[in-house]
N, C-alpha and C. Protein backbone atom coordinates (compact mmCIF):
# COMPACT_ATOMS: atom_id res chain seq x y z
N UNK A 1 6.64 23.28 -29.69
CA UNK A 1 7.43 22.93 -28.52
C UNK A 1 6.55 22.90 -27.26
N UNK A 2 5.61 23.84 -27.18
CA UNK A 2 4.72 23.90 -26.03
C UNK A 2 3.84 22.65 -25.96
N UNK A 3 3.43 22.16 -27.12
CA UNK A 3 2.60 20.96 -27.17
C UNK A 3 3.38 19.75 -26.66
N UNK A 4 4.66 19.68 -26.99
CA UNK A 4 5.49 18.57 -26.51
C UNK A 4 5.63 18.59 -24.99
N UNK A 5 5.76 19.80 -24.42
CA UNK A 5 5.84 19.91 -22.96
C UNK A 5 4.53 19.46 -22.31
N UNK A 6 3.41 19.83 -22.91
CA UNK A 6 2.11 19.42 -22.37
C UNK A 6 1.96 17.91 -22.44
N UNK A 7 2.34 17.33 -23.58
CA UNK A 7 2.26 15.88 -23.74
C UNK A 7 3.17 15.18 -22.73
N UNK A 8 4.39 15.70 -22.56
CA UNK A 8 5.33 15.10 -21.60
C UNK A 8 4.78 15.19 -20.18
N UNK A 9 4.13 16.31 -19.85
CA UNK A 9 3.54 16.46 -18.52
C UNK A 9 2.43 15.45 -18.31
N UNK A 10 1.55 15.30 -19.29
CA UNK A 10 0.47 14.32 -19.17
C UNK A 10 1.00 12.90 -19.04
N UNK A 11 2.03 12.58 -19.80
CA UNK A 11 2.62 11.25 -19.72
C UNK A 11 3.25 11.01 -18.35
N UNK A 12 3.96 12.02 -17.82
CA UNK A 12 4.58 11.84 -16.51
C UNK A 12 3.53 11.70 -15.41
N UNK A 13 2.44 12.46 -15.50
CA UNK A 13 1.36 12.34 -14.52
C UNK A 13 0.70 10.96 -14.63
N UNK A 14 0.52 10.49 -15.85
CA UNK A 14 -0.06 9.17 -16.05
C UNK A 14 0.82 8.08 -15.46
N UNK A 15 2.12 8.16 -15.70
CA UNK A 15 3.06 7.18 -15.15
C UNK A 15 3.05 7.23 -13.63
N UNK A 16 3.06 8.45 -13.07
CA UNK A 16 3.02 8.59 -11.61
C UNK A 16 1.74 7.99 -11.04
N UNK A 17 0.61 8.25 -11.69
CA UNK A 17 -0.66 7.71 -11.21
C UNK A 17 -0.67 6.19 -11.26
N UNK A 18 -0.15 5.63 -12.34
CA UNK A 18 -0.10 4.17 -12.47
C UNK A 18 0.79 3.57 -11.39
N UNK A 19 1.96 4.17 -11.17
CA UNK A 19 2.88 3.65 -10.15
C UNK A 19 2.28 3.75 -8.75
N UNK A 20 1.61 4.87 -8.45
CA UNK A 20 0.97 5.01 -7.14
C UNK A 20 -0.16 4.00 -6.96
N UNK A 21 -0.91 3.76 -8.04
CA UNK A 21 -1.99 2.77 -7.98
C UNK A 21 -1.43 1.38 -7.72
N UNK A 22 -0.38 1.01 -8.45
CA UNK A 22 0.22 -0.31 -8.27
C UNK A 22 0.77 -0.45 -6.85
N UNK A 23 1.46 0.58 -6.38
CA UNK A 23 2.01 0.53 -5.03
C UNK A 23 0.90 0.38 -4.00
N UNK A 24 -0.16 1.16 -4.15
CA UNK A 24 -1.29 1.08 -3.22
C UNK A 24 -1.96 -0.29 -3.28
N UNK A 25 -2.12 -0.82 -4.49
CA UNK A 25 -2.77 -2.12 -4.67
C UNK A 25 -1.96 -3.23 -4.01
N UNK A 26 -0.66 -3.23 -4.27
CA UNK A 26 0.20 -4.29 -3.71
C UNK A 26 0.26 -4.20 -2.19
N UNK A 27 0.47 -2.99 -1.67
CA UNK A 27 0.53 -2.83 -0.21
C UNK A 27 -0.84 -3.16 0.40
N UNK A 28 -1.91 -2.75 -0.26
CA UNK A 28 -3.25 -3.07 0.22
C UNK A 28 -3.49 -4.57 0.27
N UNK A 29 -3.01 -5.28 -0.75
CA UNK A 29 -3.15 -6.73 -0.77
C UNK A 29 -2.41 -7.36 0.41
N UNK A 30 -1.18 -6.90 0.64
CA UNK A 30 -0.42 -7.42 1.78
C UNK A 30 -1.09 -7.03 3.09
N UNK A 31 -1.66 -5.83 3.17
CA UNK A 31 -2.34 -5.39 4.39
C UNK A 31 -3.58 -6.24 4.68
N UNK A 32 -4.31 -6.59 3.63
CA UNK A 32 -5.49 -7.43 3.81
C UNK A 32 -5.09 -8.79 4.36
N UNK A 33 -4.02 -9.34 3.81
CA UNK A 33 -3.56 -10.65 4.27
C UNK A 33 -3.12 -10.58 5.73
N UNK A 34 -2.45 -9.49 6.09
CA UNK A 34 -1.88 -9.39 7.44
C UNK A 34 -2.72 -8.52 8.37
N UNK A 35 -3.97 -8.23 8.01
CA UNK A 35 -4.75 -7.26 8.77
C UNK A 35 -5.07 -7.73 10.18
N UNK A 36 -5.43 -8.99 10.36
CA UNK A 36 -5.83 -9.40 11.70
C UNK A 36 -4.66 -9.48 12.65
N UNK A 37 -3.59 -10.12 12.24
CA UNK A 37 -2.39 -10.16 13.08
C UNK A 37 -1.29 -10.87 12.31
N UNK A 38 -0.10 -10.83 12.87
CA UNK A 38 1.02 -11.53 12.25
C UNK A 38 0.90 -13.04 12.41
N UNK A 39 -0.04 -13.50 13.22
CA UNK A 39 -0.22 -14.94 13.38
C UNK A 39 -0.97 -15.55 12.20
N UNK A 40 -1.66 -14.73 11.41
CA UNK A 40 -2.41 -15.23 10.27
C UNK A 40 -1.46 -15.76 9.20
N UNK A 41 -0.35 -15.08 8.99
CA UNK A 41 0.57 -15.47 7.93
C UNK A 41 1.15 -16.87 8.15
N UNK A 42 1.68 -17.17 9.34
CA UNK A 42 2.16 -18.54 9.52
C UNK A 42 1.07 -19.60 9.37
N UNK A 43 -0.14 -19.27 9.82
CA UNK A 43 -1.25 -20.22 9.67
C UNK A 43 -1.52 -20.46 8.19
N UNK A 44 -1.64 -19.38 7.41
CA UNK A 44 -1.84 -19.53 5.97
C UNK A 44 -0.68 -20.26 5.34
N UNK A 45 0.53 -19.96 5.80
CA UNK A 45 1.71 -20.61 5.25
C UNK A 45 1.63 -22.12 5.44
N UNK A 46 1.29 -22.57 6.64
CA UNK A 46 1.24 -24.00 6.90
C UNK A 46 0.05 -24.66 6.22
N UNK A 47 -1.04 -23.92 6.04
CA UNK A 47 -2.19 -24.46 5.32
C UNK A 47 -1.83 -24.74 3.86
N UNK A 48 -1.13 -23.78 3.23
CA UNK A 48 -0.79 -23.93 1.82
C UNK A 48 0.56 -24.58 1.58
N UNK A 49 1.28 -24.91 2.64
CA UNK A 49 2.63 -25.49 2.50
C UNK A 49 2.60 -26.78 1.70
N UNK A 50 1.71 -27.66 2.05
CA UNK A 50 1.62 -28.93 1.34
C UNK A 50 1.08 -28.77 -0.07
N UNK A 51 0.16 -27.83 -0.26
CA UNK A 51 -0.45 -27.64 -1.57
C UNK A 51 0.54 -27.12 -2.60
N UNK A 52 1.29 -26.11 -2.24
CA UNK A 52 2.19 -25.46 -3.19
C UNK A 52 3.65 -25.84 -3.01
N UNK A 53 3.96 -26.65 -2.01
CA UNK A 53 5.34 -27.03 -1.75
C UNK A 53 6.21 -25.86 -1.30
N UNK A 54 5.66 -25.00 -0.45
CA UNK A 54 6.40 -23.83 0.01
C UNK A 54 7.46 -24.22 1.03
N UNK A 55 8.46 -23.37 1.16
CA UNK A 55 9.52 -23.61 2.13
C UNK A 55 9.53 -22.47 3.14
N UNK A 56 10.29 -22.66 4.22
CA UNK A 56 10.30 -21.68 5.31
C UNK A 56 10.89 -20.34 4.89
N UNK A 57 11.87 -20.35 4.02
CA UNK A 57 12.48 -19.09 3.60
C UNK A 57 11.49 -18.23 2.84
N UNK A 58 10.48 -18.86 2.22
CA UNK A 58 9.47 -18.09 1.49
C UNK A 58 8.59 -17.29 2.44
N UNK A 59 8.31 -17.82 3.62
CA UNK A 59 7.57 -17.07 4.63
C UNK A 59 8.36 -15.86 5.09
N UNK A 60 9.65 -16.05 5.33
CA UNK A 60 10.51 -14.94 5.74
C UNK A 60 10.59 -13.89 4.63
N UNK A 61 10.71 -14.35 3.39
CA UNK A 61 10.76 -13.42 2.25
C UNK A 61 9.46 -12.65 2.13
N UNK A 62 8.33 -13.32 2.33
CA UNK A 62 7.02 -12.67 2.26
C UNK A 62 6.91 -11.56 3.29
N UNK A 63 7.31 -11.85 4.53
CA UNK A 63 7.26 -10.84 5.59
C UNK A 63 8.21 -9.69 5.31
N UNK A 64 9.40 -10.00 4.79
CA UNK A 64 10.37 -8.94 4.47
C UNK A 64 9.83 -8.03 3.38
N UNK A 65 9.23 -8.61 2.34
CA UNK A 65 8.66 -7.81 1.26
C UNK A 65 7.53 -6.94 1.79
N UNK A 66 6.69 -7.50 2.67
CA UNK A 66 5.59 -6.72 3.23
C UNK A 66 6.11 -5.53 4.02
N UNK A 67 7.13 -5.75 4.85
CA UNK A 67 7.70 -4.66 5.65
C UNK A 67 8.32 -3.60 4.74
N UNK A 68 9.06 -4.03 3.72
CA UNK A 68 9.67 -3.07 2.78
C UNK A 68 8.61 -2.26 2.04
N UNK A 69 7.54 -2.93 1.62
CA UNK A 69 6.47 -2.20 0.93
C UNK A 69 5.79 -1.20 1.85
N UNK A 70 5.60 -1.56 3.12
CA UNK A 70 5.03 -0.61 4.07
C UNK A 70 5.93 0.62 4.23
N UNK A 71 7.22 0.39 4.36
CA UNK A 71 8.16 1.51 4.48
C UNK A 71 8.16 2.36 3.22
N UNK A 72 8.14 1.71 2.06
CA UNK A 72 8.11 2.44 0.79
C UNK A 72 6.83 3.26 0.68
N UNK A 73 5.71 2.66 1.09
CA UNK A 73 4.43 3.37 1.00
C UNK A 73 4.44 4.62 1.88
N UNK A 74 4.96 4.50 3.10
CA UNK A 74 4.99 5.66 3.99
C UNK A 74 5.95 6.72 3.48
N UNK A 75 7.04 6.32 2.86
CA UNK A 75 7.98 7.28 2.28
C UNK A 75 7.32 8.03 1.13
N UNK A 76 6.67 7.28 0.24
CA UNK A 76 6.00 7.91 -0.90
C UNK A 76 4.86 8.79 -0.41
N UNK A 77 4.19 8.36 0.66
CA UNK A 77 3.09 9.15 1.21
C UNK A 77 3.58 10.49 1.73
N UNK A 78 4.77 10.52 2.31
CA UNK A 78 5.33 11.79 2.77
C UNK A 78 5.63 12.70 1.59
N UNK A 79 6.07 12.12 0.48
CA UNK A 79 6.39 12.93 -0.71
C UNK A 79 5.13 13.49 -1.36
N UNK A 80 4.10 12.66 -1.50
CA UNK A 80 2.93 13.05 -2.27
C UNK A 80 1.74 13.47 -1.43
N UNK A 81 1.89 13.49 -0.13
CA UNK A 81 0.80 13.95 0.72
C UNK A 81 -0.21 12.87 0.99
N UNK A 82 -1.48 13.24 0.98
CA UNK A 82 -2.54 12.33 1.40
C UNK A 82 -3.12 11.50 0.27
N UNK A 83 -2.49 11.48 -0.89
CA UNK A 83 -3.04 10.72 -2.00
C UNK A 83 -3.13 9.23 -1.70
N UNK A 84 -2.22 8.74 -0.87
CA UNK A 84 -2.16 7.30 -0.61
C UNK A 84 -2.84 6.90 0.69
N UNK A 85 -3.54 7.80 1.34
CA UNK A 85 -4.21 7.45 2.59
C UNK A 85 -5.25 6.36 2.35
N UNK A 86 -5.34 5.47 3.29
CA UNK A 86 -6.35 4.44 3.19
C UNK A 86 -7.71 5.02 3.55
N UNK A 87 -8.74 4.26 3.27
CA UNK A 87 -10.09 4.71 3.57
C UNK A 87 -10.26 4.97 5.06
N UNK A 88 -9.74 4.08 5.89
CA UNK A 88 -9.91 4.25 7.34
C UNK A 88 -9.17 5.50 7.84
N UNK A 89 -8.00 5.79 7.27
CA UNK A 89 -7.27 7.00 7.66
C UNK A 89 -8.06 8.24 7.28
N UNK A 90 -8.70 8.22 6.12
CA UNK A 90 -9.51 9.36 5.70
C UNK A 90 -10.75 9.52 6.59
N UNK A 91 -11.35 8.41 7.00
CA UNK A 91 -12.52 8.47 7.88
C UNK A 91 -12.14 9.06 9.23
N UNK A 92 -11.00 8.64 9.76
CA UNK A 92 -10.52 9.17 11.05
C UNK A 92 -10.25 10.67 10.94
N UNK A 93 -9.58 11.08 9.86
CA UNK A 93 -9.28 12.50 9.66
C UNK A 93 -10.57 13.31 9.53
N UNK A 94 -11.55 12.77 8.81
CA UNK A 94 -12.82 13.46 8.64
C UNK A 94 -13.54 13.61 9.98
N UNK A 95 -13.53 12.54 10.79
CA UNK A 95 -14.21 12.60 12.09
C UNK A 95 -13.55 13.63 13.00
N UNK A 96 -12.22 13.68 13.01
CA UNK A 96 -11.52 14.67 13.83
C UNK A 96 -11.83 16.09 13.36
N UNK A 97 -11.83 16.29 12.06
CA UNK A 97 -12.13 17.62 11.53
C UNK A 97 -13.56 18.02 11.86
N UNK A 98 -14.49 17.07 11.77
CA UNK A 98 -15.88 17.35 12.08
C UNK A 98 -16.05 17.70 13.56
N UNK A 99 -15.37 16.96 14.44
CA UNK A 99 -15.44 17.25 15.88
C UNK A 99 -14.89 18.64 16.18
N UNK A 100 -13.78 18.99 15.56
CA UNK A 100 -13.19 20.31 15.80
C UNK A 100 -14.09 21.42 15.26
N UNK A 101 -14.74 21.15 14.12
CA UNK A 101 -15.61 22.16 13.53
C UNK A 101 -16.86 22.36 14.38
N UNK A 102 -17.43 21.23 14.86
CA UNK A 102 -18.65 21.32 15.68
C UNK A 102 -18.36 21.93 17.04
N UNK A 103 -17.11 21.83 17.46
CA UNK A 103 -16.69 22.47 18.69
C UNK A 103 -17.15 21.76 19.91
């Protein structure tokens, strides 16, 4: 019975890790696309509009999904702590800690 609990724990940790990775990857992808400003998305949309036959509602849906993923990421980040921090957030935290330590 103890072995089953250990196996179940490992499986749950594996599933959690996979879900956090997927969430981070998807949100990171959307962040890269929207990193410079919100003006990049409409420009990309109009560039690829003719190529892929996109419609205006797809741009709105893309922005809505990005906003929802950001909210979901911050909610999950509150639950799990700093596991989902981006590289830049970790660099900023490290610099602040170093400044406080150096005094």
